[in-house]
Amino acid sequence: MIYIDADGAPWRDLVIEQAIKHGIRVVVIADYSHDIPSAEGVERVVVDGGVDATDFAIVNRVQAGDLVITQDVGLASLVLPKGVVAISPRGFEFTEASMGRRLARRWLNGRIRKAGGRIKGPPRFSQDDRERFLALLEQKIIRA
C-alpha cells in the first residue's frame, strides 16, 4: 500500500497513476484544507487541521512493507522503525543512517526561527526532482 502525505505532495497525481497501473492501493491523507482527488483504488482520509494530525494518521495506519511519500522528516523518522519505506518528492529515500543528521538540521532550523532568525526554504521542485522521484517510485513499486 502507498500512503501519501498530501500536506506536501507535488507529484500526487503521478503517484496515483503509477499505483493504479501496478494494481497498488493508495491512501491519501490530508487535513480538511487540502483537495484530495477521487479515483478508483484511492482511499481518501481527511483529518482535523491540528498540528501533525496528518502525520499521526499515517503512523497509525502503516504496516511493514508499505510505502510513504512525504517531505516531512519527522514523519519519516516515525515510520522507518515500523519497516516502512519513506521517500521524498525530491527523489531520495529516507534511511535510518541519514535520519540523525536530518532531524538535527530540522531542530536547529526550528531554534533559529524561534529566535527570530530566517531560514531559506528549499528550492522549487524541478524537472530533475520529478524525474528522480518517478524513477525511485517505480523502483520501489517493482520491489514491492
Protein backbone atom coordinates (compact mmCIF):
# COMPACT_ATOMS: atom_id res chain seq x y z
CA MET A 1 0.00 0.00 0.00
CA ILE A 2 1.16 3.55 -0.72
CA TYR A 3 0.39 6.35 1.72
CA ILE A 4 0.65 9.93 0.51
CA ASP A 5 1.16 12.75 2.99
CA ALA A 6 -0.88 15.24 0.98
CA ASP A 7 0.39 18.18 3.04
CA GLY A 8 3.30 18.31 0.63
CA ALA A 9 2.84 16.06 -2.36
CA PRO A 10 3.56 17.86 -5.61
CA TRP A 11 3.53 14.63 -7.65
CA ARG A 12 0.40 13.15 -6.07
CA ASP A 13 -1.40 12.55 -9.37
CA LEU A 14 1.66 10.80 -10.83
CA VAL A 15 1.88 8.52 -7.79
CA ILE A 16 -1.79 7.62 -8.10
CA GLU A 17 -1.37 6.93 -11.82
CA GLN A 18 1.63 4.64 -11.25
CA ALA A 19 -0.02 2.83 -8.34
CA ILE A 20 -3.20 2.14 -10.31
CA LYS A 21 -1.10 0.93 -13.26
CA HIS A 22 0.56 -1.62 -10.93
CA GLY A 23 -2.60 -2.53 -9.01
CA ILE A 24 -1.46 -0.99 -5.73
CA ARG A 25 -3.91 0.73 -3.39
CA VAL A 26 -3.23 4.33 -2.43
CA VAL A 27 -4.28 6.14 0.72
CA VAL A 28 -4.14 9.93 0.51
CA ILE A 29 -4.24 11.57 3.92
CA ALA A 30 -4.67 15.30 4.36
CA ASP A 31 -6.28 17.84 6.60
CA TYR A 32 -9.55 19.43 5.58
CA SER A 33 -7.81 22.36 3.84
CA HIS A 34 -6.47 20.13 1.03
CA ASP A 35 -8.31 18.84 -2.00
CA ILE A 36 -7.98 15.07 -2.32
CA PRO A 37 -8.68 13.58 -5.74
CA SER A 38 -11.35 10.97 -6.15
CA ALA A 39 -10.24 7.94 -8.13
CA GLU A 40 -10.78 4.21 -8.16
CA GLY A 41 -8.19 2.50 -5.98
CA VAL A 42 -7.64 5.65 -3.91
CA GLU A 43 -8.82 5.89 -0.32
CA ARG A 44 -9.28 9.45 0.85
CA VAL A 45 -8.76 10.22 4.54
CA VAL A 46 -9.45 13.71 5.85
CA VAL A 47 -8.20 14.63 9.32
CA ASP A 48 -8.59 17.67 11.56
CA GLY A 49 -6.27 20.57 10.92
CA GLY A 50 -4.33 20.09 14.15
CA VAL A 51 -0.55 20.11 14.28
CA ASP A 52 0.78 16.83 12.89
CA ALA A 53 -2.73 15.30 12.60
CA THR A 54 -1.91 14.00 9.12
CA ASP A 55 1.37 12.53 10.32
CA PHE A 56 -0.24 10.67 13.22
CA ALA A 57 -2.99 9.35 10.96
CA ILE A 58 -0.33 7.88 8.67
CA VAL A 59 1.77 6.47 11.53
CA ASN A 60 -1.31 4.76 12.99
CA ARG A 61 -2.19 3.08 9.68
CA VAL A 62 1.09 1.95 8.09
CA GLN A 63 2.49 -1.55 8.29
CA ALA A 64 5.80 -3.12 7.37
CA GLY A 65 6.31 -3.12 3.62
CA ASP A 66 4.16 -0.06 2.97
CA LEU A 67 5.49 2.97 1.11
CA VAL A 68 5.06 6.51 2.46
CA ILE A 69 5.60 9.59 0.32
CA THR A 70 6.37 12.66 2.39
CA GLN A 71 8.58 15.71 2.66
CA ASP A 72 8.32 15.57 6.45
CA VAL A 73 11.49 14.34 8.15
CA GLY A 74 9.64 13.87 11.44
CA LEU A 75 7.04 11.62 9.82
CA ALA A 76 9.74 9.62 8.04
CA SER A 77 11.55 9.11 11.36
CA LEU A 78 8.36 7.67 12.87
CA VAL A 79 7.53 5.21 10.08
CA LEU A 80 11.01 3.83 9.33
CA PRO A 81 11.20 1.76 12.56
CA LYS A 82 7.93 0.09 11.52
CA GLY A 83 9.60 -1.41 8.42
CA VAL A 84 8.06 1.18 6.10
CA VAL A 85 9.88 2.71 3.14
CA ALA A 86 9.69 6.52 3.06
CA ILE A 87 10.61 8.57 0.02
CA SER A 88 10.70 12.28 -0.63
CA PRO A 89 9.09 14.04 -3.60
CA ARG A 90 12.62 15.25 -4.38
CA GLY A 91 13.57 11.69 -5.29
CA PHE A 92 15.56 10.39 -2.33
CA GLU A 93 14.83 7.67 0.20
CA PHE A 94 14.82 8.45 3.89
CA THR A 95 17.07 5.97 5.72
CA GLU A 96 17.90 5.27 9.35
CA ALA A 97 21.51 6.22 8.57
CA SER A 98 20.60 9.74 7.38
CA MET A 99 17.83 10.39 9.88
CA GLY A 100 20.01 11.72 12.73
CA ARG A 101 21.53 14.42 10.53
CA ARG A 102 18.16 15.37 9.04
CA LEU A 103 16.45 15.60 12.44
CA ALA A 104 19.33 17.65 13.86
CA ARG A 105 19.06 20.12 10.96
CA ARG A 106 15.28 20.32 11.47
CA TRP A 107 15.74 21.01 15.19
CA LEU A 108 18.42 23.66 14.57
CA ASN A 109 16.32 25.44 11.94
CA GLY A 110 13.38 25.47 14.36
CA ARG A 111 15.55 27.05 17.06
CA ILE A 112 16.76 29.73 14.64
CA ARG A 113 13.16 30.54 13.60
CA LYS A 114 12.02 30.72 17.24
CA ALA A 115 14.83 33.16 17.94
CA GLY A 116 13.56 35.40 15.14
CA GLY A 117 16.02 34.27 12.51
CA ARG A 118 15.17 33.42 8.95
CA ILE A 119 15.88 30.18 7.18
CA LYS A 120 15.96 29.98 3.43
CA GLY A 121 13.45 27.38 2.32
CA PRO A 122 14.11 24.60 -0.15
CA PRO A 123 14.30 25.41 -3.85
CA ARG A 124 11.24 24.97 -6.04
CA PHE A 125 10.64 21.48 -7.34
CA SER A 126 12.44 20.98 -10.62
CA GLN A 127 12.09 18.68 -13.59
CA ASP A 128 15.16 16.81 -12.28
CA ASP A 129 13.38 16.28 -8.93
CA ARG A 130 10.34 14.95 -10.76
CA GLU A 131 12.37 12.52 -12.88
CA ARG A 132 14.44 11.33 -9.90
CA PHE A 133 11.25 10.82 -7.88
CA LEU A 134 9.47 8.88 -10.62
CA ALA A 135 12.48 6.59 -11.12
CA LEU A 136 12.69 5.89 -7.38
CA LEU A 137 8.92 5.37 -7.13
CA GLU A 138 8.98 2.86 -10.00
CA GLN A 139 11.92 1.06 -8.37
CA LYS A 140 10.08 0.80 -5.03
CA ILE A 141 6.84 -0.36 -6.66
CA ILE A 142 8.65 -3.08 -8.62
CA ARG A 143 10.46 -4.31 -5.48
CA ALA A 144 7.14 -4.50 -3.62
